[in-house]
Amino acid sequence: WNRIPTNLREVDPNVVRLSDGTYRAYVKAGLDGAMAAYRSTDGLNWTLAGEVFRDERYRNATDPDVFETPDGWVMLLSLGARMLRCTSQD
């Protein structure tokens, strides 16, 4: 392993490689349980894609874990001792 600089400054990102070879990083985006996505073509230089989750009922959500299934995308969020499962087609 070699340490290489990146402009992604968020804590504990979940990075997914997409079928087109690009990358998406999912991160906690504030103190209200919102999650954001960043995109990259090389895994080092990132741009904000936007907010991907926010729900007033889950203000303590953290630690997004995202993966693709045959039926679409799944995001698992930690709610302390519980988990929240979210789905998306894109």
C-alpha atoms as a PDB file:
ATOM      1  CA  TRP A   1       0.000   0.000   0.000  1.00  0.00           C
ATOM      2  CA  ASN A   2       1.143   3.535  -0.781  1.00  0.00           C
ATOM      3  CA  ARG A   3      -0.294   6.692   0.687  1.00  0.00           C
ATOM      4  CA  ILE A   4      -1.631   8.915  -2.137  1.00  0.00           C
ATOM      5  CA  PRO A   5      -3.328  12.297  -1.615  1.00  0.00           C
ATOM      6  CA  THR A   6      -7.048  12.698  -2.313  1.00  0.00           C
ATOM      7  CA  ASN A   7      -9.473  15.594  -1.988  1.00  0.00           C
ATOM      8  CA  LEU A   8     -12.181  13.438  -0.345  1.00  0.00           C
ATOM      9  CA  ARG A   9     -12.143  14.718   3.239  1.00  0.00           C
ATOM     10  CA  GLU A  10     -15.186  12.967   4.656  1.00  0.00           C
ATOM     11  CA  VAL A  11     -14.795  10.384   7.432  1.00  0.00           C
ATOM     12  CA  ASP A  12     -15.179   6.658   6.675  1.00  0.00           C
ATOM     13  CA  PRO A  13     -16.556   6.819   3.105  1.00  0.00           C
ATOM     14  CA  ASN A  14     -18.153   3.758   1.529  1.00  0.00           C
ATOM     15  CA  VAL A  15     -16.641   3.659  -1.983  1.00  0.00           C
ATOM     16  CA  VAL A  16     -18.363   1.682  -4.744  1.00  0.00           C
ATOM     17  CA  ARG A  17     -16.954   1.033  -8.218  1.00  0.00           C
ATOM     18  CA  LEU A  18     -19.696   1.369 -10.820  1.00  0.00           C
ATOM     19  CA  SER A  19     -20.066  -0.762 -13.958  1.00  0.00           C
ATOM     20  CA  ASP A  20     -18.705   2.089 -16.122  1.00  0.00           C
ATOM     21  CA  GLY A  21     -15.437   2.109 -14.123  1.00  0.00           C
ATOM     22  CA  THR A  22     -16.157   5.299 -12.180  1.00  0.00           C
ATOM     23  CA  TYR A  23     -16.441   5.512  -8.407  1.00  0.00           C
ATOM     24  CA  ARG A  24     -19.097   6.736  -5.995  1.00  0.00           C
ATOM     25  CA  ALA A  25     -18.340   7.517  -2.334  1.00  0.00           C
ATOM     26  CA  TYR A  26     -21.184   7.620   0.190  1.00  0.00           C
ATOM     27  CA  VAL A  27     -20.644   9.614   3.399  1.00  0.00           C
ATOM     28  CA  LYS A  28     -22.473  11.101   6.361  1.00  0.00           C
ATOM     29  CA  ALA A  29     -23.189  14.717   5.411  1.00  0.00           C
ATOM     30  CA  GLY A  30     -23.964  16.614   8.586  1.00  0.00           C
ATOM     31  CA  LEU A  31     -25.419  16.302  12.046  1.00  0.00           C
ATOM     32  CA  ASP A  32     -29.006  15.562  10.993  1.00  0.00           C
ATOM     33  CA  GLY A  33     -28.580  12.057   9.525  1.00  0.00           C
ATOM     34  CA  ALA A  34     -28.225  13.195   5.910  1.00  0.00           C
ATOM     35  CA  MET A  35     -26.002  11.208   3.527  1.00  0.00           C
ATOM     36  CA  ALA A  36     -24.220  12.516   0.428  1.00  0.00           C
ATOM     37  CA  ALA A  37     -22.534  10.981  -2.587  1.00  0.00           C
ATOM     38  CA  TYR A  38     -19.322  12.063  -4.290  1.00  0.00           C
ATOM     39  CA  ARG A  39     -18.209  10.893  -7.751  1.00  0.00           C
ATOM     40  CA  SER A  40     -14.770  10.237  -9.203  1.00  0.00           C
ATOM     41  CA  THR A  41     -13.224   8.830 -12.363  1.00  0.00           C
ATOM     42  CA  ASP A  42      -9.915   7.888 -10.725  1.00  0.00           C
ATOM     43  CA  GLY A  43     -10.755   7.276  -7.049  1.00  0.00           C
ATOM     44  CA  LEU A  44      -8.626  10.255  -5.975  1.00  0.00           C
ATOM     45  CA  ASN A  45     -10.290  13.425  -7.281  1.00  0.00           C
ATOM     46  CA  TRP A  46     -13.880  13.754  -6.076  1.00  0.00           C
ATOM     47  CA  THR A  47     -16.810  16.072  -6.810  1.00  0.00           C
ATOM     48  CA  LEU A  48     -20.021  16.305  -4.814  1.00  0.00           C
ATOM     49  CA  ALA A  49     -22.877  14.504  -6.595  1.00  0.00           C
ATOM     50  CA  GLY A  50     -25.433  15.626  -4.014  1.00  0.00           C
ATOM     51  CA  GLU A  51     -27.517  14.539  -1.088  1.00  0.00           C
ATOM     52  CA  VAL A  52     -28.791  10.958  -1.381  1.00  0.00           C
ATOM     53  CA  PHE A  53     -30.673  10.480   1.903  1.00  0.00           C
ATOM     54  CA  ARG A  54     -32.383  12.630   4.521  1.00  0.00           C
ATOM     55  CA  ASP A  55     -35.345  11.744   6.718  1.00  0.00           C
ATOM     56  CA  GLU A  56     -36.369  13.687   9.818  1.00  0.00           C
ATOM     57  CA  ARG A  57     -37.308  10.421  11.532  1.00  0.00           C
ATOM     58  CA  TYR A  58     -33.698   9.179  11.368  1.00  0.00           C
ATOM     59  CA  ARG A  59     -31.596  12.149  12.470  1.00  0.00           C
ATOM     60  CA  ASN A  60     -29.100   9.801  14.186  1.00  0.00           C
ATOM     61  CA  ALA A  61     -28.342   7.795  10.986  1.00  0.00           C
ATOM     62  CA  THR A  62     -24.654   7.169  10.305  1.00  0.00           C
ATOM     63  CA  ASP A  63     -22.227   4.903   8.436  1.00  0.00           C
ATOM     64  CA  PRO A  64     -23.783   4.337   4.977  1.00  0.00           C
ATOM     65  CA  ASP A  65     -22.992   0.992   3.356  1.00  0.00           C
ATOM     66  CA  VAL A  66     -24.099   0.838  -0.287  1.00  0.00           C
ATOM     67  CA  PHE A  67     -24.154  -2.070  -2.738  1.00  0.00           C
ATOM     68  CA  GLU A  68     -25.883  -3.086  -5.960  1.00  0.00           C
ATOM     69  CA  THR A  69     -28.262  -6.038  -6.176  1.00  0.00           C
ATOM     70  CA  PRO A  70     -30.117  -7.496  -9.185  1.00  0.00           C
ATOM     71  CA  ASP A  71     -33.160  -5.429  -8.103  1.00  0.00           C
ATOM     72  CA  GLY A  72     -31.352  -2.094  -7.656  1.00  0.00           C
ATOM     73  CA  TRP A  73     -29.230  -0.353  -5.046  1.00  0.00           C
ATOM     74  CA  VAL A  74     -29.378  -0.881  -1.274  1.00  0.00           C
ATOM     75  CA  MET A  75     -28.109   1.506   1.401  1.00  0.00           C
ATOM     76  CA  LEU A  76     -27.809   0.257   4.961  1.00  0.00           C
ATOM     77  CA  LEU A  77     -27.596   2.925   7.658  1.00  0.00           C
ATOM     78  CA  SER A  78     -26.710   2.515  11.301  1.00  0.00           C
ATOM     79  CA  LEU A  79     -29.272   3.770  13.811  1.00  0.00           C
ATOM     80  CA  GLY A  80     -27.308   2.867  16.918  1.00  0.00           C
ATOM     81  CA  ALA A  81     -28.394  -0.662  17.834  1.00  0.00           C
ATOM     82  CA  ARG A  82     -30.680  -0.879  14.760  1.00  0.00           C
ATOM     83  CA  MET A  83     -30.230  -0.655  10.991  1.00  0.00           C
ATOM     84  CA  LEU A  84     -32.259   1.074   8.305  1.00  0.00           C
ATOM     85  CA  ARG A  85     -32.478  -0.443   4.807  1.00  0.00           C
ATOM     86  CA  CYS A  86     -33.132   1.967   1.920  1.00  0.00           C
ATOM     87  CA  THR A  87     -33.504   1.076  -1.766  1.00  0.00           C
ATOM     88  CA  SER A  88     -33.089   2.954  -5.055  1.00  0.00           C
ATOM     89  CA  GLN A  89     -33.285   2.039  -8.714  1.00  0.00           C
ATOM     90  CA  ASP A  90     -30.451   4.431  -9.618  1.00  0.00           C
END
